[in-house]
C-alpha atoms as a PDB file:
ATOM      1  CA  MET A   1      13.369   7.631 -19.066  1.00  0.00           C
ATOM      2  CA  LEU A   2      13.792   3.891 -19.288  1.00  0.00           C
ATOM      3  CA  ASN A   3      10.758   1.857 -20.231  1.00  0.00           C
ATOM      4  CA  LEU A   4       9.970  -1.673 -19.141  1.00  0.00           C
ATOM      5  CA  ASN A   5       9.560  -2.585 -22.800  1.00  0.00           C
ATOM      6  CA  ASP A   6      13.192  -1.644 -23.432  1.00  0.00           C
ATOM      7  CA  ARG A   7      14.371  -5.105 -22.393  1.00  0.00           C
ATOM      8  CA  GLU A   8      13.604  -8.744 -23.077  1.00  0.00           C
ATOM      9  CA  TRP A   9      12.002 -10.505 -20.098  1.00  0.00           C
ATOM     10  CA  LYS A  10      12.398 -14.033 -18.804  1.00  0.00           C
ATOM     11  CA  ALA A  11      11.161 -16.137 -15.900  1.00  0.00           C
ATOM     12  CA  PHE A  12      13.633 -17.036 -13.159  1.00  0.00           C
ATOM     13  CA  LYS A  13      13.256 -19.318 -10.152  1.00  0.00           C
ATOM     14  CA  VAL A  14      13.670 -17.629  -6.770  1.00  0.00           C
ATOM     15  CA  LYS A  15      16.243 -20.262  -5.794  1.00  0.00           C
ATOM     16  CA  ASN A  16      18.376 -19.216  -8.785  1.00  0.00           C
ATOM     17  CA  ILE A  17      18.288 -15.543  -7.815  1.00  0.00           C
ATOM     18  CA  PHE A  18      18.682 -15.673  -4.030  1.00  0.00           C
ATOM     19  CA  ALA A  19      20.458 -17.612  -1.327  1.00  0.00           C
ATOM     20  CA  ILE A  20      17.602 -18.287   1.109  1.00  0.00           C
ATOM     21  CA  GLU A  21      17.979 -18.168   4.893  1.00  0.00           C
ATOM     22  CA  LYS A  22      15.573 -18.594   7.798  1.00  0.00           C
ATOM     23  CA  CYS A  23      14.859 -15.967  10.419  1.00  0.00           C
ATOM     24  CA  LYS A  24      15.479 -17.081  13.986  1.00  0.00           C
ATOM     25  CA  CYS A  25      13.079 -15.674  16.587  1.00  0.00           C
ATOM     26  CA  SER A  26      10.341 -18.091  17.671  1.00  0.00           C
ATOM     27  CA  SER A  27       9.354 -16.377  20.930  1.00  0.00           C
ATOM     28  CA  VAL A  28       9.290 -12.608  20.690  1.00  0.00           C
ATOM     29  CA  SER A  29       7.261 -12.520  23.914  1.00  0.00           C
ATOM     30  CA  THR A  30      10.443 -13.356  25.825  1.00  0.00           C
ATOM     31  CA  LEU A  31      12.150 -10.183  24.601  1.00  0.00           C
ATOM     32  CA  LYS A  32      11.948  -6.975  26.562  1.00  0.00           C
ATOM     33  CA  GLN A  33      10.934  -3.702  24.958  1.00  0.00           C
ATOM     34  CA  GLY A  34      13.880  -1.913  23.377  1.00  0.00           C
ATOM     35  CA  THR A  35      15.135  -0.053  20.327  1.00  0.00           C
ATOM     36  CA  PHE A  36      15.983  -2.913  17.939  1.00  0.00           C
ATOM     37  CA  PRO A  37      13.450  -3.601  15.148  1.00  0.00           C
ATOM     38  CA  TYR A  38      11.417  -6.792  15.315  1.00  0.00           C
ATOM     39  CA  VAL A  39      10.030  -7.845  11.925  1.00  0.00           C
ATOM     40  CA  GLY A  40       7.012 -10.129  11.677  1.00  0.00           C
ATOM     41  CA  ALA A  41       4.473 -11.421   9.201  1.00  0.00           C
ATOM     42  CA  THR A  42       3.189  -8.056   7.950  1.00  0.00           C
ATOM     43  CA  ASN A  43       4.065  -5.853   5.015  1.00  0.00           C
ATOM     44  CA  ARG A  44       2.910  -2.737   6.867  1.00  0.00           C
ATOM     45  CA  ASN A  45       5.499  -0.357   8.314  1.00  0.00           C
ATOM     46  CA  ASN A  46       8.090  -2.212   6.234  1.00  0.00           C
ATOM     47  CA  GLY A  47       7.509  -5.291   8.367  1.00  0.00           C
ATOM     48  CA  ILE A  48       8.281  -3.706  11.734  1.00  0.00           C
ATOM     49  CA  MET A  49       5.876  -4.875  14.423  1.00  0.00           C
ATOM     50  CA  SER A  50       7.709  -3.612  17.506  1.00  0.00           C
ATOM     51  CA  PHE A  51      11.074  -2.603  18.939  1.00  0.00           C
ATOM     52  CA  VAL A  52      12.792  -5.024  21.294  1.00  0.00           C
ATOM     53  CA  GLU A  53      16.059  -5.627  23.101  1.00  0.00           C
ATOM     54  CA  LYS A  54      18.854  -6.857  20.843  1.00  0.00           C
ATOM     55  CA  LYS A  55      19.727 -10.542  21.127  1.00  0.00           C
ATOM     56  CA  ASP A  56      22.709 -11.292  18.886  1.00  0.00           C
ATOM     57  CA  LYS A  57      21.780 -14.949  18.384  1.00  0.00           C
ATOM     58  CA  TRP A  58      18.502 -13.914  16.742  1.00  0.00           C
ATOM     59  CA  VAL A  59      19.759 -11.009  14.612  1.00  0.00           C
ATOM     60  CA  THR A  60      19.388 -11.192  10.828  1.00  0.00           C
ATOM     61  CA  LYS A  61      21.779  -9.006   8.861  1.00  0.00           C
ATOM     62  CA  GLY A  62      20.251  -6.345   6.628  1.00  0.00           C
ATOM     63  CA  ASN A  63      20.443  -5.693   2.876  1.00  0.00           C
ATOM     64  CA  CYS A  64      18.120  -8.588   2.189  1.00  0.00           C
ATOM     65  CA  ILE A  65      14.639  -9.269   0.881  1.00  0.00           C
ATOM     66  CA  VAL A  66      12.239 -10.648   3.486  1.00  0.00           C
ATOM     67  CA  PHE A  67       9.739 -13.225   2.245  1.00  0.00           C
ATOM     68  CA  ILE A  68       6.539 -13.293   4.321  1.00  0.00           C
ATOM     69  CA  CYS A  69       5.649 -16.969   4.505  1.00  0.00           C
ATOM     70  CA  ASP A  70       2.679 -17.016   6.883  1.00  0.00           C
ATOM     71  CA  GLY A  71       0.104 -14.682   8.385  1.00  0.00           C
ATOM     72  CA  GLN A  72      -3.411 -13.754   7.351  1.00  0.00           C
ATOM     73  CA  GLY A  73      -3.453 -10.924   4.819  1.00  0.00           C
ATOM     74  CA  SER A  74       0.314 -10.660   4.274  1.00  0.00           C
ATOM     75  CA  VAL A  75       1.491 -14.128   3.250  1.00  0.00           C
ATOM     76  CA  GLY A  76       3.114 -13.940  -0.182  1.00  0.00           C
ATOM     77  CA  TYR A  77       4.360 -10.364   0.149  1.00  0.00           C
ATOM     78  CA  SER A  78       8.025  -9.406   0.228  1.00  0.00           C
ATOM     79  CA  ILE A  79       9.837  -6.383   1.672  1.00  0.00           C
ATOM     80  CA  TYR A  80      13.371  -4.999   1.558  1.00  0.00           C
ATOM     81  CA  LYS A  81      15.276  -4.527   4.806  1.00  0.00           C
ATOM     82  CA  LYS A  82      18.347  -2.330   4.668  1.00  0.00           C
ATOM     83  CA  GLU A  83      19.079  -2.475   8.401  1.00  0.00           C
ATOM     84  CA  ASP A  84      19.725  -5.436  10.724  1.00  0.00           C
ATOM     85  CA  PHE A  85      16.670  -6.805  12.546  1.00  0.00           C
ATOM     86  CA  ILE A  86      15.260  -9.679  14.572  1.00  0.00           C
ATOM     87  CA  GLY A  87      12.870 -11.675  12.426  1.00  0.00           C
ATOM     88  CA  SER A  88      10.046 -14.079  13.219  1.00  0.00           C
ATOM     89  CA  THR A  89      10.456 -17.705  12.159  1.00  0.00           C
ATOM     90  CA  THR A  90       7.444 -17.122   9.885  1.00  0.00           C
ATOM     91  CA  LEU A  91       9.887 -15.246   7.626  1.00  0.00           C
ATOM     92  CA  LYS A  92      12.687 -16.197   5.283  1.00  0.00           C
ATOM     93  CA  VAL A  93      15.212 -13.879   3.659  1.00  0.00           C
ATOM     94  CA  GLY A  94      16.913 -13.816   0.289  1.00  0.00           C
ATOM     95  CA  ARG A  95      20.436 -12.570  -0.333  1.00  0.00           C
ATOM     96  CA  SER A  96      22.231 -11.660  -3.532  1.00  0.00           C
ATOM     97  CA  GLU A  97      25.463  -9.882  -4.380  1.00  0.00           C
ATOM     98  CA  HIS A  98      23.434  -7.731  -6.769  1.00  0.00           C
ATOM     99  CA  LEU A  99      21.135  -6.438  -4.044  1.00  0.00           C
ATOM    100  CA  ASN A 100      20.916  -2.757  -3.112  1.00  0.00           C
ATOM    101  CA  ARG A 101      17.927  -0.612  -2.273  1.00  0.00           C
ATOM    102  CA  TYR A 102      17.251   0.129  -5.958  1.00  0.00           C
ATOM    103  CA  THR A 103      17.434  -3.401  -7.341  1.00  0.00           C
ATOM    104  CA  ALA A 104      15.614  -4.612  -4.229  1.00  0.00           C
ATOM    105  CA  HIS A 105      12.582  -2.397  -4.839  1.00  0.00           C
ATOM    106  CA  PHE A 106      12.393  -3.627  -8.430  1.00  0.00           C
ATOM    107  CA  LEU A 107      12.633  -7.256  -7.300  1.00  0.00           C
ATOM    108  CA  VAL A 108      10.023  -6.799  -4.573  1.00  0.00           C
ATOM    109  CA  SER A 109       7.565  -5.455  -7.146  1.00  0.00           C
ATOM    110  CA  ALA A 110       8.151  -8.528  -9.287  1.00  0.00           C
ATOM    111  CA  LEU A 111       7.912 -10.905  -6.329  1.00  0.00           C
ATOM    112  CA  ASP A 112       4.644  -9.415  -5.062  1.00  0.00           C
ATOM    113  CA  LYS A 113       2.888 -10.574  -8.204  1.00  0.00           C
ATOM    114  CA  ASN A 114       3.108 -14.083  -6.716  1.00  0.00           C
ATOM    115  CA  ARG A 115       1.137 -13.253  -3.594  1.00  0.00           C
ATOM    116  CA  GLN A 116      -2.140 -14.410  -5.153  1.00  0.00           C
ATOM    117  CA  MET A 117      -0.766 -17.948  -5.020  1.00  0.00           C
ATOM    118  CA  TYR A 118      -1.016 -17.954  -1.241  1.00  0.00           C
ATOM    119  CA  SER A 119      -3.618 -17.717   1.491  1.00  0.00           C
ATOM    120  CA  TYR A 120      -3.811 -18.275   5.226  1.00  0.00           C
ATOM    121  CA  GLY A 121      -4.368 -21.981   4.561  1.00  0.00           C
ATOM    122  CA  TYR A 122      -1.723 -22.243   1.822  1.00  0.00           C
ATOM    123  CA  LYS A 123       1.569 -21.108   3.272  1.00  0.00           C
ATOM    124  CA  ARG A 124       4.772 -20.095   1.544  1.00  0.00           C
ATOM    125  CA  ASN A 125       6.949 -22.981   2.671  1.00  0.00           C
ATOM    126  CA  GLU A 126      10.594 -23.271   1.624  1.00  0.00           C
ATOM    127  CA  ASN A 127       9.921 -25.542  -1.336  1.00  0.00           C
ATOM    128  CA  ARG A 128       7.157 -23.322  -2.729  1.00  0.00           C
ATOM    129  CA  LEU A 129       9.250 -20.202  -2.211  1.00  0.00           C
ATOM    130  CA  SER A 130      12.316 -21.709  -3.895  1.00  0.00           C
ATOM    131  CA  ASN A 131      10.288 -22.666  -6.941  1.00  0.00           C
ATOM    132  CA  GLU A 132       8.414 -19.390  -7.358  1.00  0.00           C
ATOM    133  CA  SER A 133       8.980 -17.841 -10.765  1.00  0.00           C
ATOM    134  CA  ILE A 134       9.483 -14.129 -11.247  1.00  0.00           C
ATOM    135  CA  MET A 135       9.655 -12.253 -14.539  1.00  0.00           C
ATOM    136  CA  LEU A 136      12.741 -10.045 -14.833  1.00  0.00           C
ATOM    137  CA  PRO A 137      14.388  -7.983 -17.590  1.00  0.00           C
ATOM    138  CA  THR A 138      17.428  -9.695 -19.073  1.00  0.00           C
ATOM    139  CA  ALA A 139      20.844  -8.553 -20.262  1.00  0.00           C
ATOM    140  CA  ASP A 140      22.524  -9.764 -23.455  1.00  0.00           C
ATOM    141  CA  ASP A 141      23.795 -12.883 -21.666  1.00  0.00           C
ATOM    142  CA  GLY A 142      20.271 -13.884 -20.682  1.00  0.00           C
ATOM    143  CA  GLN A 143      20.832 -13.177 -16.992  1.00  0.00           C
ATOM    144  CA  PRO A 144      18.832 -10.645 -14.944  1.00  0.00           C
ATOM    145  CA  ASP A 145      19.735  -7.095 -15.970  1.00  0.00           C
ATOM    146  CA  TYR A 146      20.427  -5.600 -12.544  1.00  0.00           C
ATOM    147  CA  ALA A 147      21.913  -2.432 -14.046  1.00  0.00           C
ATOM    148  CA  PHE A 148      18.625  -1.767 -15.839  1.00  0.00           C
ATOM    149  CA  MET A 149      16.620  -2.447 -12.663  1.00  0.00           C
ATOM    150  CA  GLU A 150      18.740  -0.023 -10.646  1.00  0.00           C
ATOM    151  CA  GLN A 151      18.582   2.748 -13.225  1.00  0.00           C
ATOM    152  CA  TYR A 152      14.833   2.262 -13.708  1.00  0.00           C
ATOM    153  CA  ILE A 153      14.157   2.729  -9.971  1.00  0.00           C
ATOM    154  CA  ARG A 154      16.641   5.618  -9.687  1.00  0.00           C
ATOM    155  CA  GLU A 155      14.858   7.511 -12.466  1.00  0.00           C
ATOM    156  CA  ARG A 156      11.463   7.079 -10.855  1.00  0.00           C
ATOM    157  CA  GLU A 157      12.776   8.050  -7.449  1.00  0.00           C
ATOM    158  CA  ASP A 158      14.320  11.209  -8.931  1.00  0.00           C
ATOM    159  CA  LYS A 159      11.023  12.036 -10.627  1.00  0.00           C
ATOM    160  CA  LEU A 160       9.166  11.601  -7.339  1.00  0.00           C
ATOM    161  CA  LYS A 161      11.683  13.784  -5.509  1.00  0.00           C
ATOM    162  CA  GLN A 162      11.199  16.509  -8.087  1.00  0.00           C
ATOM    163  CA  LYS A 163       7.436  16.303  -7.619  1.00  0.00           C
ATOM    164  CA  TYR A 164       7.926  16.799  -3.876  1.00  0.00           C
ATOM    165  CA  ILE A 165      10.364  19.671  -4.427  1.00  0.00           C
ATOM    166  CA  ASP A 166       7.894  21.421  -6.757  1.00  0.00           C
ATOM    167  CA  PHE A 167       5.100  20.983  -4.199  1.00  0.00           C
ATOM    168  CA  VAL A 168       7.184  22.294  -1.295  1.00  0.00           C
ATOM    169  CA  ASN A 169       8.406  25.276  -3.311  1.00  0.00           C
ATOM    170  CA  ALA A 170       4.896  26.217  -4.397  1.00  0.00           C
ATOM    171  CA  GLU A 171       3.423  29.169  -2.538  1.00  0.00           C
ATOM    172  CA  LEU A 172       0.830  27.779  -0.152  1.00  0.00           C
ATOM    173  CA  GLU A 173      -2.018  29.743   1.322  1.00  0.00           C
ATOM    174  CA  THR A 174      -2.048  30.503   5.033  1.00  0.00           C
ATOM    175  CA  PRO A 175      -2.081  27.168   6.932  1.00  0.00           C
ATOM    176  CA  PRO A 176      -5.505  26.359   8.380  1.00  0.00           C
ATOM    177  CA  ILE A 177      -6.267  26.589  12.057  1.00  0.00           C
ATOM    178  CA  PRO A 178      -5.851  23.341  14.079  1.00  0.00           C
ATOM    179  CA  LEU A 179      -8.601  20.743  13.856  1.00  0.00           C
ATOM    180  CA  ALA A 180      -9.480  21.221  17.530  1.00  0.00           C
ATOM    181  CA  GLU A 181     -10.234  24.902  16.966  1.00  0.00           C
ATOM    182  CA  LYS A 182     -12.560  24.265  14.042  1.00  0.00           C
ATOM    183  CA  THR A 183     -16.335  23.901  14.335  1.00  0.00           C
ATOM    184  CA  TRP A 184     -17.579  20.486  13.229  1.00  0.00           C
ATOM    185  CA  GLY A 185     -20.909  19.126  12.058  1.00  0.00           C
ATOM    186  CA  VAL A 186     -22.537  15.767  11.334  1.00  0.00           C
ATOM    187  CA  PHE A 187     -23.405  14.854   7.710  1.00  0.00           C
ATOM    188  CA  TYR A 188     -24.995  11.861   6.025  1.00  0.00           C
ATOM    189  CA  LEU A 189     -22.840  10.231   3.342  1.00  0.00           C
ATOM    190  CA  LYS A 190     -25.846  10.227   1.010  1.00  0.00           C
ATOM    191  CA  ASP A 191     -25.918  14.039   1.258  1.00  0.00           C
ATOM    192  CA  LEU A 192     -22.199  14.381   0.543  1.00  0.00           C
ATOM    193  CA  PHE A 193     -21.990  12.154  -2.524  1.00  0.00           C
ATOM    194  CA  ASP A 194     -24.019  12.196  -5.748  1.00  0.00           C
ATOM    195  CA  ILE A 195     -23.306   8.515  -6.452  1.00  0.00           C
ATOM    196  CA  ILE A 196     -23.041   5.655  -3.961  1.00  0.00           C
ATOM    197  CA  GLN A 197     -22.759   2.282  -5.676  1.00  0.00           C
ATOM    198  CA  ARG A 198     -21.283  -1.135  -4.966  1.00  0.00           C
ATOM    199  CA  GLY A 199     -18.931  -2.902  -7.308  1.00  0.00           C
ATOM    200  CA  LYS A 200     -19.830  -6.156  -9.017  1.00  0.00           C
ATOM    201  CA  ARG A 201     -19.045  -9.704  -7.958  1.00  0.00           C
ATOM    202  CA  LEU A 202     -16.196 -11.302  -9.882  1.00  0.00           C
ATOM    203  CA  VAL A 203     -14.983 -14.628  -8.472  1.00  0.00           C
ATOM    204  CA  ARG A 204     -11.234 -15.225  -8.618  1.00  0.00           C
ATOM    205  CA  GLU A 205     -11.630 -18.170 -10.998  1.00  0.00           C
ATOM    206  CA  HIS A 206     -13.145 -15.833 -13.599  1.00  0.00           C
ATOM    207  CA  GLN A 207     -10.479 -13.148 -13.314  1.00  0.00           C
ATOM    208  CA  GLN A 208      -7.984 -12.830 -16.147  1.00  0.00           C
ATOM    209  CA  ALA A 209      -4.607 -11.177 -15.625  1.00  0.00           C
ATOM    210  CA  GLY A 210      -4.449  -7.679 -17.087  1.00  0.00           C
ATOM    211  CA  LYS A 211      -3.447  -4.079 -16.492  1.00  0.00           C
ATOM    212  CA  MET A 212      -6.531  -2.649 -14.751  1.00  0.00           C
ATOM    213  CA  PRO A 213      -6.345  -2.266 -10.934  1.00  0.00           C
ATOM    214  CA  TYR A 214      -8.868  -4.472  -9.140  1.00  0.00           C
ATOM    215  CA  VAL A 215     -10.029  -2.840  -5.896  1.00  0.00           C
ATOM    216  CA  SER A 216     -11.439  -5.138  -3.246  1.00  0.00           C
ATOM    217  CA  SER A 217     -11.638  -5.389   0.541  1.00  0.00           C
ATOM    218  CA  THR A 218      -7.926  -5.338   1.402  1.00  0.00           C
ATOM    219  CA  ALA A 219      -6.646  -2.642   3.746  1.00  0.00           C
ATOM    220  CA  MET A 220      -3.317  -2.484   1.900  1.00  0.00           C
ATOM    221  CA  ASN A 221      -2.031  -1.031  -1.367  1.00  0.00           C
ATOM    222  CA  ASN A 222      -4.823   1.533  -1.569  1.00  0.00           C
ATOM    223  CA  GLY A 223      -7.316  -1.310  -1.717  1.00  0.00           C
ATOM    224  CA  ILE A 224      -5.799  -2.813  -4.874  1.00  0.00           C
ATOM    225  CA  ASP A 225      -5.967  -6.607  -4.781  1.00  0.00           C
ATOM    226  CA  GLY A 226      -4.427  -7.277  -8.181  1.00  0.00           C
ATOM    227  CA  PHE A 227      -4.510  -6.314 -11.848  1.00  0.00           C
ATOM    228  CA  ILE A 228      -7.015  -7.912 -14.185  1.00  0.00           C
ATOM    229  CA  SER A 229      -8.479  -7.479 -17.653  1.00  0.00           C
ATOM    230  CA  THR A 230     -11.694  -5.570 -18.261  1.00  0.00           C
ATOM    231  CA  GLU A 231     -14.909  -7.232 -19.358  1.00  0.00           C
ATOM    232  CA  ARG A 232     -18.346  -5.994 -20.292  1.00  0.00           C
ATOM    233  CA  THR A 233     -19.703  -7.261 -16.991  1.00  0.00           C
ATOM    234  CA  THR A 234     -17.188  -5.458 -14.745  1.00  0.00           C
ATOM    235  CA  ARG A 235     -17.865  -2.108 -13.116  1.00  0.00           C
ATOM    236  CA  GLU A 236     -15.247   0.567 -13.675  1.00  0.00           C
ATOM    237  CA  PHE A 237     -14.938   3.752 -11.642  1.00  0.00           C
ATOM    238  CA  SER A 238     -12.360   6.514 -11.147  1.00  0.00           C
ATOM    239  CA  ASN A 239     -11.705   9.691  -9.147  1.00  0.00           C
ATOM    240  CA  CYS A 240     -13.778   8.574  -6.181  1.00  0.00           C
ATOM    241  CA  LEU A 241     -13.701   7.225  -2.654  1.00  0.00           C
ATOM    242  CA  THR A 242     -13.901   3.492  -1.941  1.00  0.00           C
ATOM    243  CA  ILE A 243     -15.060   1.859   1.297  1.00  0.00           C
ATOM    244  CA  ALA A 244     -14.629  -1.859   2.018  1.00  0.00           C
ATOM    245  CA  ASN A 245     -17.975  -3.496   2.842  1.00  0.00           C
ATOM    246  CA  SER A 246     -16.435  -6.739   4.112  1.00  0.00           C
ATOM    247  CA  GLY A 247     -13.021  -8.179   4.875  1.00  0.00           C
ATOM    248  CA  SER A 248     -11.112  -5.121   6.115  1.00  0.00           C
ATOM    249  CA  VAL A 249     -14.467  -3.438   6.759  1.00  0.00           C
ATOM    250  CA  GLY A 250     -14.365   0.350   6.667  1.00  0.00           C
ATOM    251  CA  SER A 251     -11.000   0.669   4.911  1.00  0.00           C
ATOM    252  CA  SER A 252     -11.302   3.830   2.828  1.00  0.00           C
ATOM    253  CA  PHE A 253      -9.139   5.102  -0.008  1.00  0.00           C
ATOM    254  CA  TYR A 254      -9.127   7.816  -2.617  1.00  0.00           C
ATOM    255  CA  GLN A 255      -8.888   6.287  -6.090  1.00  0.00           C
ATOM    256  CA  PRO A 256      -7.474   8.800  -8.598  1.00  0.00           C
ATOM    257  CA  SER A 257      -7.324   6.426 -11.582  1.00  0.00           C
ATOM    258  CA  LYS A 258      -9.693   4.070 -13.352  1.00  0.00           C
ATOM    259  CA  PHE A 259     -10.207   0.717 -11.626  1.00  0.00           C
ATOM    260  CA  ILE A 260     -12.463  -2.321 -11.524  1.00  0.00           C
ATOM    261  CA  ALA A 261     -14.585  -2.544  -8.365  1.00  0.00           C
ATOM    262  CA  SER A 262     -15.418  -5.806  -6.621  1.00  0.00           C
ATOM    263  CA  ASP A 263     -18.719  -6.264  -4.808  1.00  0.00           C
ATOM    264  CA  HIS A 264     -16.759  -6.046  -1.541  1.00  0.00           C
ATOM    265  CA  ILE A 265     -16.403  -2.282  -1.915  1.00  0.00           C
ATOM    266  CA  THR A 266     -18.727   0.675  -2.384  1.00  0.00           C
ATOM    267  CA  HIS A 267     -17.628   3.670  -4.407  1.00  0.00           C
ATOM    268  CA  LEU A 268     -18.732   7.188  -3.490  1.00  0.00           C
ATOM    269  CA  LYS A 269     -18.415  10.025  -5.980  1.00  0.00           C
ATOM    270  CA  ASN A 270     -18.904  13.777  -6.103  1.00  0.00           C
ATOM    271  CA  ASP A 271     -17.512  15.466  -9.214  1.00  0.00           C
ATOM    272  CA  SER A 272     -16.972  18.734  -7.370  1.00  0.00           C
ATOM    273  CA  TYR A 273     -14.468  17.224  -4.913  1.00  0.00           C
ATOM    274  CA  THR A 274     -10.733  17.632  -5.402  1.00  0.00           C
ATOM    275  CA  MET A 275      -8.145  15.011  -4.485  1.00  0.00           C
ATOM    276  CA  TYR A 276      -7.483  16.857  -1.221  1.00  0.00           C
ATOM    277  CA  VAL A 277     -11.136  16.864  -0.192  1.00  0.00           C
ATOM    278  CA  TYR A 278     -11.403  13.141  -0.950  1.00  0.00           C
ATOM    279  CA  LEU A 279      -8.306  12.453   1.150  1.00  0.00           C
ATOM    280  CA  PHE A 280      -9.718  14.412   4.086  1.00  0.00           C
ATOM    281  CA  ILE A 281     -13.063  12.628   3.932  1.00  0.00           C
ATOM    282  CA  ALA A 282     -11.324   9.233   3.627  1.00  0.00           C
ATOM    283  CA  THR A 283      -9.718   9.752   7.044  1.00  0.00           C
ATOM    284  CA  MET A 284     -13.196  10.251   8.508  1.00  0.00           C
ATOM    285  CA  THR A 285     -14.910   7.337   6.764  1.00  0.00           C
ATOM    286  CA  LYS A 286     -12.133   5.010   7.951  1.00  0.00           C
ATOM    287  CA  ARG A 287     -13.506   5.477  11.451  1.00  0.00           C
ATOM    288  CA  MET A 288     -16.534   3.467  10.384  1.00  0.00           C
ATOM    289  CA  SER A 289     -14.379   0.353  10.782  1.00  0.00           C
ATOM    290  CA  GLU A 290     -14.852   0.632  14.555  1.00  0.00           C
ATOM    291  CA  LYS A 291     -18.568  -0.157  14.128  1.00  0.00           C
ATOM    292  CA  TYR A 292     -18.242  -3.157  11.828  1.00  0.00           C
ATOM    293  CA  ASN A 293     -16.564  -6.554  11.736  1.00  0.00           C
ATOM    294  CA  PHE A 294     -16.567  -9.845   9.820  1.00  0.00           C
ATOM    295  CA  ASN A 295     -20.062 -10.666  11.082  1.00  0.00           C
ATOM    296  CA  ARG A 296     -21.470  -7.173  10.634  1.00  0.00           C
ATOM    297  CA  GLU A 297     -20.716  -5.860   7.172  1.00  0.00           C
ATOM    298  CA  ILE A 298     -21.626  -2.558   5.535  1.00  0.00           C
ATOM    299  CA  ASN A 299     -24.655  -3.234   3.366  1.00  0.00           C
ATOM    300  CA  ASP A 300     -26.525  -0.744   1.184  1.00  0.00           C
ATOM    301  CA  TYR A 301     -29.034   0.068   3.914  1.00  0.00           C
ATOM    302  CA  ARG A 302     -26.407   0.711   6.560  1.00  0.00           C
ATOM    303  CA  ILE A 303     -24.297   2.941   4.345  1.00  0.00           C
ATOM    304  CA  SER A 304     -27.398   4.997   3.511  1.00  0.00           C
ATOM    305  CA  LYS A 305     -27.707   5.753   7.232  1.00  0.00           C
ATOM    306  CA  GLU A 306     -24.024   6.453   7.858  1.00  0.00           C
ATOM    307  CA  LYS A 307     -22.924   9.857   9.131  1.00  0.00           C
ATOM    308  CA  ILE A 308     -19.474  11.409   9.542  1.00  0.00           C
ATOM    309  CA  LEU A 309     -18.069  14.505  11.204  1.00  0.00           C
ATOM    310  CA  LEU A 310     -16.678  17.279   9.011  1.00  0.00           C
ATOM    311  CA  PRO A 311     -15.415  20.822   9.669  1.00  0.00           C
ATOM    312  CA  THR A 312     -18.027  23.448   8.843  1.00  0.00           C
ATOM    313  CA  THR A 313     -18.285  27.003   7.593  1.00  0.00           C
ATOM    314  CA  ASP A 314     -20.031  29.732   9.580  1.00  0.00           C
ATOM    315  CA  GLU A 315     -23.225  28.760   7.747  1.00  0.00           C
ATOM    316  CA  GLY A 316     -22.955  25.143   8.920  1.00  0.00           C
ATOM    317  CA  SER A 317     -22.131  23.543   5.573  1.00  0.00           C
ATOM    318  CA  PRO A 318     -19.011  21.400   4.982  1.00  0.00           C
ATOM    319  CA  ASP A 319     -15.929  23.620   4.764  1.00  0.00           C
ATOM    320  CA  TYR A 320     -14.291  22.114   1.692  1.00  0.00           C
ATOM    321  CA  GLU A 321     -11.768  24.939   1.380  1.00  0.00           C
ATOM    322  CA  TYR A 322     -10.521  24.235   4.906  1.00  0.00           C
ATOM    323  CA  MET A 323     -10.279  20.492   4.179  1.00  0.00           C
ATOM    324  CA  GLU A 324      -8.253  21.146   1.044  1.00  0.00           C
ATOM    325  CA  GLN A 325      -5.831  23.518   2.740  1.00  0.00           C
ATOM    326  CA  TYR A 326      -5.452  21.219   5.736  1.00  0.00           C
ATOM    327  CA  ILE A 327      -4.450  18.229   3.573  1.00  0.00           C
ATOM    328  CA  LYS A 328      -2.070  20.399   1.546  1.00  0.00           C
ATOM    329  CA  ALA A 329      -0.412  21.537   4.779  1.00  0.00           C
ATOM    330  CA  VAL A 330      -0.046  17.917   5.933  1.00  0.00           C
ATOM    331  CA  MET A 331       1.480  16.916   2.603  1.00  0.00           C
ATOM    332  CA  PHE A 332       3.801  19.928   2.713  1.00  0.00           C
ATOM    333  CA  GLY A 333       5.127  18.815   6.091  1.00  0.00           C
ATOM    334  CA  LYS A 334       5.559  15.185   5.031  1.00  0.00           C
ATOM    335  CA  TYR A 335       7.284  16.027   1.746  1.00  0.00           C
ATOM    336  CA  LYS A 336       9.598  18.552   3.405  1.00  0.00           C
ATOM    337  CA  LYS A 337      10.596  16.063   6.072  1.00  0.00           C
ATOM    338  CA  TYR A 338      11.307  13.405   3.426  1.00  0.00           C
ATOM    339  CA  LEU A 339      13.411  15.779   1.342  1.00  0.00           C
ATOM    340  CA  GLU A 340      15.393  16.851   4.393  1.00  0.00           C
ATOM    341  CA  TYR A 341      16.016  13.189   5.234  1.00  0.00           C
ATOM    342  CA  GLN A 342      17.214  12.605   1.662  1.00  0.00           C
ATOM    343  CA  LYS A 343      19.334  15.787   1.867  1.00  0.00           C
ATOM    344  CA  CYS A 344      17.669  17.128  -1.272  1.00  0.00           C
ATOM    345  CA  PRO A 345      18.128  20.849  -2.052  1.00  0.00           C
ATOM    346  CA  LEU A 346      14.717  22.497  -2.190  1.00  0.00           C
ATOM    347  CA  LEU A 347      15.635  25.152  -4.739  1.00  0.00           C
END
């Protein structure tokens, strides 16, 4: 497989890579509900915020990269839109003759490294966007190597498809009974996890760019807020659950790999849990977000008193086998649906 180190890299200005256009809809409230995608200032659901009636004067043609220029939490992100859409005026789009869904995903990954430049009070206006620099692999002529980008993404997509095919073809145990038919019990988090510990404060000014994921209070990207270098003073965890104490309070994620934890998250660990058990429990701890907000954060005392519902065995203890099989069944259904959509042979 291709490696990112297989090419020389160089910085390019956004304005030298894309022709930039503005999106056109300034009053989505005037549109009736419909079937045409409306894209706003969010990188969730690939930018889609609702479906509205189609108004030709506001339509933006697809096969473009959408630059999110405003909006708390999403400013600085970029997404690829294959299909036509109606876009908020808080967005701009970039076009290039080299753009397809493979090169676009590579470019979006490079562009998203710039998101730390922006905040709700520091918007991505046209001048700032045009002068953003992105690092890209280069061809022999010194221009962006789009062929390399496409092949790199194709290889990783094929590898992911094969992972899904192998999972779907594996012999699964009998699917579990529905959640509604299962007996449930209430459990304290402190009784479910051997270790419950906050991360350590690391102000942005002291962060150095690196390769280690930095998990903080964002509700996106599995809680990863950037990649920084490790220091003696940082706290590193892995194979655990994380819960945001502030910001996107209650956001919960399973973290399979080593990461640096900010003081805005608490990590919860039990070495006997599998990935599937962690994923099941994460769906339950996310419900804690309903109890908290910006003015009422999750401190150490409150988390020590927190309880969640879990399915139980006949003896009343957490039914970890059921949780594992339930998550596997969910993943089986999702992977199978994706492979069918991609028209991938399963055998």
